Amino acid sequence: MRARIAEQPLFLLMMGISALAMYLPALHALYLDNEREARAFFYPGTLLLLLTVLIAIARAGRQSKQRSEMWNLAALFAGFTVLPLMLAVPFYEALRTTTFLNAYYEMVSSLTTTGATLFAPERLSPSLHFWRALVGWLGGLLMWVAAAAVMAPLSLGGFEVTASGEPGQTDTGGAWGEVDPQTRILRVASHLTPVYAGLTLALWVMLLMGGDVPLVAISHAMSVMATSGISPVGGVEGASSGLGGEMVMALFMLFALSRVTFSGDTLVGAKVSVLKDSEFRLGLVLALSIPLVLFLRHWSGAYEFDEIDNLTSALSALWGGVFTVLSMLTTTGFASSDWAAAQNWSGLQTPGLILLGVAMIGGGVATTAGGVKLLRVWALYLQGLREMERLVHPSSVGRSGAGSRRLRRQGAYIAWIFFMLFAITVTLFTLIMAWIVEDVQQALVLTIAALSTTGPLVTLASETPITLVDLSMAGKLVMCAGMVLGRLETLAFIALLTSDLWRR
């Protein structure tokens, strides 16, 4: 059976998993005595599963062609663009009060772990909320597996900074060097899926113990692990777990700072401990230093108004900054219930630029987080330090090892190229969105929210929350394109378009 499954293309495997996933909200709706919604999920799931099986049977007698890494990258792109068409069918049939384009947008937003929703929480039923969170969770798992099984062999997705291969060129070195691409996907999935599911289950139980109802607890647990920011109550401020729940979620957000936190195989070099990992340390520094700067500003503002004796407000403001910045850095997008207190304590009313910048930095390589990735920032930081040393001592020789030298030279060079491509992409999408929404500030927020896969930014980073449902058809399609591009990254698209895959 395992060999038969390994022979199937990646996109067909994603179709089968999506079909099986539709039975979960069907059972949930049946448990809530909502038979109409149960049928809306059961029938499309059964048809999609039947279609998947028929295609697999039809391919059984065909001689398998030589498979390449680029085919899996193309399947990954199809998974984020074509698969949401199938996932949107039960959502559209269950809701019945929206267009299919809105349902497709919602599924693209969930699968890419963006979480930029069109609907107010009260408009969706519990089963639809569960479906959105489940799709986002599966999208996060897909990125965990694809990063090691698809991106790493092609030196993409951040691996190009430290890998020896050129971006977009197959690098078969390392632990999976001689393994067939399809077999590698199953092997990586078998290693990472229990870890991913176990962490989600642990967080769910902790949130239940904190006082959340089961639906809110499982939705927030899946959203934190997938960094999707999907919530059935509009965010953590609507949950019952309170400060304890936020602390637990912040702890699990640390898994999005570095791959080392959940896997001993870095796929790019020697194994390192979490505390010695550059990405993890840089992420902690950013998550603590930025709120501390905001806190000092808060303190000076409170000092002017003789409010420094209010220790409770000070601690609330500090925690609100730490949780929110960590959430934005991991591109989860949840805002602390104390974030409003953090703003009001010193009169800071427009923190949008800070949140946009933090979300653009993003989390670790091969995690569910989006953004430009901490490893690229670290490579440019090392190169900057070295250049400043050479300004003082032009004839000096770097004292680091071969790995750090590569990170400073080739790694920083490729990271800089990615930054330039990201800046060009942000400019183009901002111009297009500004033409559509006729507001440059809103266009910039929408662009960064899509490209960094941090959907809640549309309500947190703008002076006035942006109503996504009011976007035109063109605006929603551009947002979908931005979310897919932000999830797969520009270098992956360039590698896909310039490969010899299309000449065959």
Protein backbone atom coordinates (compact mmCIF):
# COMPACT_ATOMS: atom_id res chain seq x y z
CA MET A 1 0.00 0.00 0.00
CA ARG A 2 2.80 2.42 0.88
CA ALA A 3 4.45 1.73 -2.49
CA ARG A 4 1.18 2.37 -4.33
CA ILE A 5 0.72 5.67 -2.50
CA ALA A 6 4.33 6.67 -3.23
CA GLU A 7 3.65 6.26 -6.96
CA GLN A 8 0.89 8.89 -6.93
CA PRO A 9 1.65 12.54 -7.79
CA LEU A 10 1.80 15.05 -4.96
CA PHE A 11 -1.29 16.93 -6.16
CA LEU A 12 -3.34 13.71 -6.22
CA LEU A 13 -2.25 12.99 -2.65
CA MET A 14 -3.38 16.47 -1.63
CA MET A 15 -6.75 15.83 -3.28
CA GLY A 16 -7.21 12.63 -1.29
CA ILE A 17 -6.27 14.24 2.01
CA SER A 18 -8.64 17.16 1.31
CA ALA A 19 -11.48 14.73 0.57
CA LEU A 20 -10.92 12.85 3.83
CA ALA A 21 -10.68 16.14 5.74
CA MET A 22 -14.19 17.11 4.60
CA TYR A 23 -15.65 14.29 6.68
CA LEU A 24 -14.49 15.95 9.91
CA PRO A 25 -16.70 19.07 9.65
CA ALA A 26 -19.47 16.80 8.34
CA LEU A 27 -19.28 14.79 11.57
CA HIS A 28 -19.06 18.02 13.56
CA ALA A 29 -22.19 19.40 11.91
CA LEU A 30 -23.99 16.08 12.42
CA TYR A 31 -23.08 16.21 16.11
CA LEU A 32 -24.66 19.68 16.28
CA ASP A 33 -27.82 18.32 14.56
CA ASN A 34 -27.20 20.46 11.47
CA GLU A 35 -27.92 17.87 8.79
CA ARG A 36 -27.87 20.36 5.92
CA GLU A 37 -24.31 21.43 6.63
CA ALA A 38 -23.31 17.82 7.25
CA ARG A 39 -24.54 16.91 3.76
CA ALA A 40 -22.79 19.99 2.31
CA PHE A 41 -19.47 18.55 3.48
CA PHE A 42 -20.20 14.82 3.12
CA TYR A 43 -21.28 14.82 -0.53
CA PRO A 44 -18.39 16.91 -1.96
CA GLY A 45 -15.94 14.92 0.17
CA THR A 46 -17.27 11.62 -1.16
CA LEU A 47 -17.23 12.83 -4.78
CA LEU A 48 -13.68 14.19 -4.45
CA LEU A 49 -12.51 10.97 -2.82
CA LEU A 50 -14.14 8.92 -5.60
CA LEU A 51 -12.49 11.12 -8.23
CA THR A 52 -9.11 10.70 -6.55
CA VAL A 53 -9.46 6.91 -6.44
CA LEU A 54 -10.54 6.74 -10.08
CA ILE A 55 -7.56 8.81 -11.20
CA ALA A 56 -5.23 6.60 -9.17
CA ILE A 57 -6.74 3.48 -10.75
CA ALA A 58 -6.41 4.99 -14.23
CA ARG A 59 -2.73 5.67 -13.61
CA ALA A 60 -2.05 2.18 -12.25
CA GLY A 61 -1.29 0.63 -15.63
CA ARG A 62 0.88 3.47 -16.90
CA GLN A 63 4.64 3.27 -16.92
CA SER A 64 5.94 5.82 -14.42
CA LYS A 65 8.12 8.50 -15.91
CA GLN A 66 11.25 9.86 -14.34
CA ARG A 67 10.12 12.25 -11.63
CA SER A 68 11.93 15.46 -10.76
CA GLU A 69 11.87 17.92 -7.90
CA MET A 70 10.43 20.58 -10.18
CA TRP A 71 7.27 18.52 -10.75
CA ASN A 72 6.61 18.59 -7.02
CA LEU A 73 7.17 22.36 -6.96
CA ALA A 74 4.61 22.71 -9.76
CA ALA A 75 2.23 20.46 -7.79
CA LEU A 76 2.73 22.69 -4.75
CA PHE A 77 1.78 25.73 -6.82
CA ALA A 78 -1.32 23.90 -8.11
CA GLY A 79 -2.16 22.98 -4.54
CA PHE A 80 -2.41 26.63 -3.53
CA THR A 81 -4.32 27.74 -6.65
CA VAL A 82 -6.43 24.84 -7.94
CA LEU A 83 -7.08 22.86 -4.75
CA PRO A 84 -8.97 25.77 -3.09
CA LEU A 85 -11.54 25.44 -5.88
CA MET A 86 -12.39 22.01 -4.48
CA LEU A 87 -12.16 23.11 -0.86
CA ALA A 88 -14.51 26.02 -1.56
CA VAL A 89 -17.38 23.79 -2.73
CA PRO A 90 -18.55 22.62 0.73
CA PHE A 91 -17.96 26.09 2.17
CA TYR A 92 -20.12 27.64 -0.55
CA GLU A 93 -22.84 25.00 -0.25
CA ALA A 94 -22.97 25.23 3.54
CA LEU A 95 -23.07 29.04 3.74
CA ARG A 96 -25.35 29.69 0.74
CA THR A 97 -25.31 33.47 1.27
CA THR A 98 -22.10 34.31 -0.55
CA THR A 99 -20.52 34.02 -3.97
CA PHE A 100 -18.21 31.22 -5.03
CA LEU A 101 -15.42 33.76 -5.50
CA ASN A 102 -15.69 34.69 -1.82
CA ALA A 103 -15.58 31.01 -0.86
CA TYR A 104 -12.52 30.49 -3.09
CA TYR A 105 -10.81 33.52 -1.55
CA GLU A 106 -11.53 32.19 1.94
CA MET A 107 -9.98 28.83 1.14
CA VAL A 108 -6.88 30.39 -0.47
CA SER A 109 -6.51 32.57 2.62
CA SER A 110 -6.84 29.56 4.92
CA LEU A 111 -4.65 27.14 2.94
CA THR A 112 -1.82 29.68 2.63
CA THR A 113 -2.12 30.26 6.41
CA THR A 114 -2.87 33.95 5.80
CA GLY A 115 -6.15 34.13 7.70
CA ALA A 116 -7.48 37.29 6.01
CA THR A 117 -11.18 36.53 6.27
CA LEU A 118 -14.08 38.17 4.47
CA PHE A 119 -16.69 37.22 7.06
CA ALA A 120 -17.52 38.43 10.53
CA PRO A 121 -17.36 35.61 13.12
CA GLU A 122 -21.09 35.68 13.82
CA ARG A 123 -21.92 35.09 10.14
CA LEU A 124 -20.33 31.63 10.03
CA SER A 125 -21.58 28.52 11.77
CA PRO A 126 -19.35 26.51 14.16
CA SER A 127 -18.75 23.87 11.48
CA LEU A 128 -17.59 26.47 8.97
CA HIS A 129 -15.25 27.97 11.55
CA PHE A 130 -13.87 24.50 12.19
CA TRP A 131 -13.42 23.94 8.43
CA ARG A 132 -11.47 27.19 8.02
CA ALA A 133 -9.18 26.33 10.94
CA LEU A 134 -8.72 22.78 9.66
CA VAL A 135 -7.78 23.94 6.15
CA GLY A 136 -5.30 26.39 7.65
CA TRP A 137 -3.84 23.61 9.82
CA LEU A 138 -3.43 21.35 6.79
CA GLY A 139 -1.79 24.22 4.92
CA GLY A 140 0.73 24.58 7.74
CA LEU A 141 1.46 20.84 7.69
CA LEU A 142 1.89 21.02 3.92
CA MET A 143 4.55 23.71 4.33
CA TRP A 144 6.36 21.71 7.03
CA VAL A 145 6.57 18.71 4.71
CA ALA A 146 7.19 20.64 1.49
CA ALA A 147 10.02 22.66 3.02
CA ALA A 148 12.09 19.55 3.71
CA ALA A 149 10.90 17.38 0.82
CA VAL A 150 10.55 19.94 -2.00
CA MET A 151 12.19 23.27 -1.14
CA ALA A 152 15.39 21.98 0.48
CA PRO A 153 16.52 19.78 -2.46
CA LEU A 154 15.97 22.76 -4.80
CA SER A 155 17.75 25.21 -2.44
CA LEU A 156 14.65 27.39 -2.14
CA GLY A 157 12.46 28.75 0.65
CA GLY A 158 15.42 30.12 2.63
CA PHE A 159 17.61 27.03 2.24
CA GLU A 160 19.50 28.80 -0.55
CA VAL A 161 21.24 30.96 2.06
CA THR A 162 23.21 28.06 3.53
CA ALA A 163 22.89 25.23 0.98
CA SER A 164 25.69 24.49 -1.46
CA GLY A 165 23.40 24.25 -4.48
CA GLU A 166 22.21 27.16 -6.59
CA PRO A 167 18.59 28.34 -6.11
CA GLY A 168 16.24 26.33 -8.29
CA GLN A 169 18.86 23.68 -9.09
CA THR A 170 18.51 20.21 -7.62
CA ASP A 171 20.94 19.62 -4.78
CA THR A 172 20.78 15.94 -3.91
CA GLY A 173 23.29 16.06 -1.08
CA GLY A 174 22.41 15.42 2.52
CA ALA A 175 20.27 12.84 4.24
CA TRP A 176 17.80 12.40 1.37
CA GLY A 177 20.40 12.50 -1.41
CA GLU A 178 19.52 9.31 -3.31
CA VAL A 179 15.86 9.07 -2.31
CA ASP A 180 13.11 9.28 -4.92
CA PRO A 181 11.19 12.61 -4.66
CA GLN A 182 7.85 10.94 -3.94
CA THR A 183 9.37 8.58 -1.40
CA ARG A 184 11.05 11.54 0.28
CA ILE A 185 7.69 13.28 0.67
CA LEU A 186 6.15 10.28 2.40
CA ARG A 187 9.19 9.78 4.60
CA VAL A 188 9.28 13.42 5.70
CA ALA A 189 5.50 13.39 6.25
CA SER A 190 5.75 10.28 8.43
CA HIS A 191 8.41 12.01 10.55
CA LEU A 192 6.79 15.44 10.92
CA THR A 193 3.04 14.72 11.01
CA PRO A 194 3.06 13.07 14.48
CA VAL A 195 5.11 15.98 15.85
CA TYR A 196 2.78 18.56 14.30
CA ALA A 197 -0.37 16.78 15.45
CA GLY A 198 1.05 16.10 18.93
CA LEU A 199 1.95 19.74 19.50
CA THR A 200 -1.51 20.81 18.33
CA LEU A 201 -3.17 18.31 20.65
CA ALA A 202 -1.06 19.47 23.59
CA LEU A 203 -1.95 23.12 22.99
CA TRP A 204 -5.64 22.24 22.60
CA VAL A 205 -5.68 20.45 25.96
CA MET A 206 -3.91 23.38 27.66
CA LEU A 207 -6.39 25.88 26.25
CA LEU A 208 -9.28 23.67 27.36
CA MET A 209 -7.83 23.62 30.85
CA GLY A 210 -7.55 27.41 30.66
CA GLY A 211 -11.31 27.78 30.17
CA ASP A 212 -11.84 27.92 26.40
CA VAL A 213 -14.76 26.06 24.85
CA PRO A 214 -13.69 23.10 22.64
CA LEU A 215 -14.26 24.85 19.28
CA VAL A 216 -12.33 27.96 20.25
CA ALA A 217 -9.55 25.90 21.83
CA ILE A 218 -9.03 23.63 18.81
CA SER A 219 -9.29 26.53 16.36
CA HIS A 220 -6.70 28.60 18.22
CA ALA A 221 -4.45 25.57 18.70
CA MET A 222 -4.49 24.78 14.98
CA SER A 223 -4.09 28.46 14.09
CA VAL A 224 -1.06 28.92 16.33
CA MET A 225 0.72 25.84 14.97
CA ALA A 226 -0.11 26.83 11.38
CA THR A 227 0.44 30.58 12.06
CA SER A 228 -2.86 31.22 10.27
CA GLY A 229 -4.48 33.57 12.81
CA ILE A 230 -7.91 32.01 12.21
CA SER A 231 -10.33 32.45 15.11
CA PRO A 232 -14.06 31.74 15.53
CA VAL A 233 -14.35 34.61 18.05
CA GLY A 234 -12.37 37.29 16.22
CA GLY A 235 -9.05 36.75 18.03
CA VAL A 236 -7.64 35.78 21.39
CA GLU A 237 -9.31 38.77 23.04
CA GLY A 238 -12.61 36.94 22.57
CA ALA A 239 -11.38 33.73 24.21
CA SER A 240 -12.06 32.72 27.80
CA SER A 241 -8.58 31.44 28.63
CA GLY A 242 -7.34 34.99 29.25
CA LEU A 243 -3.72 35.73 30.16
CA GLY A 244 -2.89 32.08 30.80
CA GLY A 245 -4.07 31.11 27.33
CA GLU A 246 -1.98 33.86 25.75
CA MET A 247 1.13 32.69 27.61
CA VAL A 248 0.64 29.12 26.43
CA MET A 249 0.06 30.24 22.84
CA ALA A 250 3.16 32.45 22.96
CA LEU A 251 5.17 29.42 24.07
CA PHE A 252 3.97 27.38 21.08
CA MET A 253 4.59 30.30 18.70
CA LEU A 254 8.30 29.79 19.36
CA PHE A 255 8.14 26.73 17.08
CA ALA A 256 7.74 29.13 14.15
CA LEU A 257 11.06 30.87 14.88
CA SER A 258 13.30 28.01 13.82
CA ARG A 259 13.10 24.52 12.40
CA VAL A 260 15.48 23.35 15.13
CA THR A 261 12.67 23.70 17.68
CA PHE A 262 10.78 20.71 16.25
CA SER A 263 13.27 18.80 14.08
CA GLY A 264 16.84 17.71 14.70
CA ASP A 265 17.52 17.48 10.96
CA THR A 266 18.27 21.00 9.69
CA LEU A 267 18.95 19.71 6.16
CA VAL A 268 21.44 22.51 5.64
CA GLY A 269 24.35 21.61 7.88
CA ALA A 270 25.38 20.28 11.25
CA LYS A 271 22.85 19.84 14.02
CA VAL A 272 22.72 22.69 16.51
CA SER A 273 20.89 23.21 19.78
CA VAL A 274 17.97 25.58 20.00
CA LEU A 275 19.79 28.12 22.15
CA LYS A 276 22.70 28.22 19.70
CA ASP A 277 20.54 28.52 16.60
CA SER A 278 20.94 31.92 14.93
CA GLU A 279 17.31 32.18 13.80
CA PHE A 280 15.89 31.35 17.20
CA ARG A 281 18.14 33.80 19.03
CA LEU A 282 17.46 36.58 16.53
CA GLY A 283 13.72 35.95 16.82
CA LEU A 284 13.86 36.15 20.61
CA VAL A 285 15.87 39.37 20.47
CA LEU A 286 13.34 40.98 18.15
CA ALA A 287 10.34 39.67 20.12
CA LEU A 288 11.73 41.13 23.36
CA SER A 289 13.60 44.27 22.25
CA ILE A 290 10.82 45.84 20.17
CA PRO A 291 8.19 45.59 22.97
CA LEU A 292 10.83 46.87 25.41
CA VAL A 293 11.37 49.97 23.27
CA LEU A 294 7.60 50.45 23.11
CA PHE A 295 7.42 49.94 26.87
CA LEU A 296 10.06 52.61 27.50
CA ARG A 297 8.07 54.96 25.32
CA HIS A 298 4.99 53.99 27.31
CA TRP A 299 6.90 54.68 30.53
CA SER A 300 7.97 58.13 29.39
CA GLY A 301 4.41 58.87 28.32
CA ALA A 302 3.04 57.73 31.67
CA TYR A 303 5.70 59.74 33.50
CA GLU A 304 4.44 62.91 31.85
CA PHE A 305 0.96 62.20 33.21
CA ASP A 306 2.13 61.00 36.65
CA GLU A 307 0.89 57.45 36.09
CA ILE A 308 4.11 55.58 36.80
CA ASP A 309 2.72 54.14 40.02
CA ASN A 310 0.20 52.06 38.10
CA LEU A 311 2.28 48.87 37.99
CA THR A 312 -0.58 46.73 36.72
CA SER A 313 -1.06 48.91 33.65
CA ALA A 314 2.68 48.87 33.03
CA LEU A 315 2.91 45.08 33.12
CA SER A 316 -0.22 44.76 30.96
CA ALA A 317 1.30 47.12 28.41
CA LEU A 318 4.57 45.18 28.40
CA TRP A 319 2.87 41.80 27.96
CA GLY A 320 0.57 43.17 25.27
CA GLY A 321 3.61 44.30 23.31
CA VAL A 322 5.54 41.05 23.76
CA PHE A 323 2.67 38.78 22.72
CA THR A 324 1.58 40.91 19.77
CA VAL A 325 5.10 41.41 18.39
CA LEU A 326 5.88 37.70 18.73
CA SER A 327 2.59 36.88 17.02
CA MET A 328 3.36 39.25 14.15
CA LEU A 329 6.95 38.03 13.87
CA THR A 330 5.71 34.48 13.43
CA THR A 331 3.01 35.86 11.03
CA THR A 332 0.26 34.37 13.23
CA GLY A 333 -1.46 37.72 13.51
CA PHE A 334 -3.14 37.40 16.91
CA ALA A 335 -3.21 40.59 18.99
CA SER A 336 -3.11 40.37 22.76
CA SER A 337 -6.16 41.45 24.74
CA ASP A 338 -3.74 43.88 26.43
CA TRP A 339 -2.63 45.41 23.13
CA ALA A 340 -5.21 48.18 23.46
CA ALA A 341 -3.89 48.90 26.95
CA ALA A 342 -0.37 48.99 25.53
CA GLN A 343 -1.45 51.72 23.10
CA ASN A 344 -3.63 53.75 25.45
CA TRP A 345 -1.15 53.75 28.33
CA SER A 346 1.06 56.27 26.55
CA GLY A 347 -1.27 57.49 23.83
CA LEU A 348 0.34 55.38 21.06
CA GLN A 349 -2.51 55.15 18.56
CA THR A 350 -0.75 54.22 15.29
CA PRO A 351 1.52 51.19 15.73
CA GLY A 352 0.73 49.94 12.24
CA LEU A 353 4.15 50.65 10.75
CA ILE A 354 5.88 48.65 13.50
CA LEU A 355 3.56 45.69 13.00
CA LEU A 356 4.03 45.81 9.22
CA GLY A 357 7.81 45.80 9.59
CA VAL A 358 7.79 42.91 12.07
CA ALA A 359 5.47 40.84 9.85
CA MET A 360 7.71 41.45 6.84
CA ILE A 361 10.68 39.98 8.72
CA GLY A 362 8.77 36.78 9.40
CA GLY A 363 9.82 33.59 11.15
CA GLY A 364 12.24 30.76 10.56
CA VAL A 365 13.13 28.79 7.45
CA ALA A 366 11.10 25.58 6.91
CA THR A 367 8.44 26.64 9.42
CA THR A 368 4.83 27.65 8.88
CA ALA A 369 5.74 31.35 9.24
CA GLY A 370 5.85 33.66 6.25
CA GLY A 371 7.82 36.84 5.60
CA VAL A 372 11.35 37.16 4.30
CA LYS A 373 12.68 34.78 7.01
CA LEU A 374 15.02 35.37 9.94
CA LEU A 375 17.91 33.48 8.33
CA ARG A 376 18.11 35.98 5.49
CA VAL A 377 18.06 38.88 7.95
CA TRP A 378 20.81 37.19 9.95
CA ALA A 379 22.96 36.70 6.83
CA LEU A 380 22.71 40.38 5.96
CA TYR A 381 23.44 41.32 9.58
CA LEU A 382 26.65 39.27 9.59
CA GLN A 383 27.71 40.77 6.30
CA GLY A 384 27.04 44.26 7.64
CA LEU A 385 29.17 43.62 10.71
CA ARG A 386 32.01 42.33 8.55
CA GLU A 387 31.87 45.38 6.27
CA MET A 388 32.03 47.71 9.27
CA GLU A 389 35.07 45.81 10.56
CA ARG A 390 36.77 46.26 7.20
CA LEU A 391 36.10 50.00 7.31
CA VAL A 392 38.20 50.16 10.49
CA HIS A 393 40.72 47.43 9.55
CA PRO A 394 40.78 47.04 5.73
CA SER A 395 43.34 44.22 5.81
CA SER A 396 41.64 42.18 8.54
CA VAL A 397 40.71 38.53 8.07
CA GLY A 398 37.43 37.11 9.28
CA ARG A 399 37.82 34.76 12.24
CA SER A 400 34.75 32.62 11.70
CA GLY A 401 34.53 29.15 10.17
CA ALA A 402 33.73 28.10 6.62
CA GLY A 403 29.99 27.98 7.29
CA SER A 404 29.85 31.55 8.57
CA ARG A 405 32.03 32.75 5.70
CA ARG A 406 29.61 31.26 3.22
CA LEU A 407 26.69 32.79 5.12
CA ARG A 408 28.36 36.22 4.92
CA ARG A 409 29.33 35.95 1.27
CA GLN A 410 27.14 33.75 -0.95
CA GLY A 411 24.34 33.63 1.63
CA ALA A 412 24.21 37.41 2.06
CA TYR A 413 24.38 37.87 -1.72
CA ILE A 414 21.38 35.60 -2.32
CA ALA A 415 19.53 37.09 0.65
CA TRP A 416 20.05 40.57 -0.80
CA ILE A 417 18.70 39.41 -4.16
CA PHE A 418 15.61 38.05 -2.40
CA PHE A 419 15.14 41.34 -0.52
CA MET A 420 15.27 43.25 -3.81
CA LEU A 421 12.76 40.88 -5.41
CA PHE A 422 10.51 41.19 -2.37
CA ALA A 423 10.73 45.00 -2.50
CA ILE A 424 9.87 45.02 -6.21
CA THR A 425 6.95 42.67 -5.56
CA VAL A 426 5.65 44.87 -2.73
CA THR A 427 5.88 47.93 -5.01
CA LEU A 428 4.03 46.30 -7.89
CA PHE A 429 1.26 44.86 -5.73
CA THR A 430 0.88 48.16 -3.86
CA LEU A 431 0.47 50.03 -7.15
CA ILE A 432 -2.11 47.53 -8.37
CA MET A 433 -4.05 47.56 -5.10
CA ALA A 434 -3.87 51.37 -4.91
CA TRP A 435 -5.46 51.51 -8.37
CA ILE A 436 -8.21 49.16 -7.14
CA VAL A 437 -8.97 50.55 -3.65
CA GLU A 438 -7.90 54.17 -4.43
CA ASP A 439 -6.02 54.50 -1.14
CA VAL A 440 -2.24 54.06 -0.93
CA GLN A 441 -2.17 53.33 2.81
CA GLN A 442 -4.80 50.61 2.54
CA ALA A 443 -3.06 49.23 -0.54
CA LEU A 444 0.24 48.93 1.35
CA VAL A 445 -1.40 47.19 4.30
CA LEU A 446 -3.25 44.75 2.03
CA THR A 447 -0.06 44.01 0.08
CA ILE A 448 2.10 43.26 3.11
CA ALA A 449 -0.70 41.28 4.76
CA ALA A 450 -0.89 39.06 1.65
CA LEU A 451 2.82 38.72 0.89
CA SER A 452 3.77 38.06 4.53
CA THR A 453 0.73 35.76 5.02
CA THR A 454 -0.37 37.80 8.05
CA GLY A 455 -4.04 38.41 7.32
CA PRO A 456 -5.08 40.05 10.63
CA LEU A 457 -2.85 43.00 9.72
CA VAL A 458 -5.76 44.41 7.71
CA THR A 459 -7.53 45.24 10.97
CA LEU A 460 -4.51 45.95 13.19
CA ALA A 461 -2.09 47.89 11.00
CA SER A 462 -4.49 50.43 9.55
CA GLU A 463 -5.95 53.47 11.30
CA THR A 464 -9.38 52.28 10.24
CA PRO A 465 -9.92 48.52 9.83
CA ILE A 466 -10.19 47.45 6.19
CA THR A 467 -13.38 45.63 5.21
CA LEU A 468 -12.19 42.93 2.83
CA VAL A 469 -15.67 41.90 1.76
CA ASP A 470 -16.06 45.32 0.10
CA LEU A 471 -13.16 44.64 -2.27
CA SER A 472 -14.05 44.27 -5.92
CA MET A 473 -13.59 41.03 -7.83
CA ALA A 474 -10.23 42.27 -9.12
CA GLY A 475 -9.11 43.17 -5.61
CA LYS A 476 -9.94 39.72 -4.25
CA LEU A 477 -8.14 37.99 -7.12
CA VAL A 478 -5.07 40.18 -6.63
CA MET A 479 -5.12 39.35 -2.92
CA CYS A 480 -5.29 35.64 -3.78
CA ALA A 481 -2.30 36.02 -6.10
CA GLY A 482 -0.39 37.88 -3.40
CA MET A 483 -1.13 35.22 -0.78
CA VAL A 484 0.05 32.40 -3.05
CA LEU A 485 3.16 34.35 -4.05
CA GLY A 486 3.91 35.15 -0.41
CA ARG A 487 3.50 31.52 0.60
CA LEU A 488 5.73 30.05 -2.12
CA GLU A 489 8.11 33.06 -2.36
CA THR A 490 9.40 34.85 -5.46
CA LEU A 491 12.50 32.71 -5.97
CA ALA A 492 10.36 29.58 -6.20
CA PHE A 493 8.20 31.18 -8.88
CA ILE A 494 11.25 32.26 -10.87
CA ALA A 495 12.73 28.77 -10.59
CA LEU A 496 9.42 27.26 -11.72
CA LEU A 497 9.04 29.59 -14.70
CA THR A 498 12.64 29.25 -15.89
CA SER A 499 12.95 25.48 -15.52
CA ASP A 500 13.02 23.04 -18.42
CA LEU A 501 9.75 21.58 -17.15
CA TRP A 502 7.77 23.47 -19.81
CA ARG A 503 9.95 22.27 -22.68
CA ARG A 504 8.87 18.65 -22.23
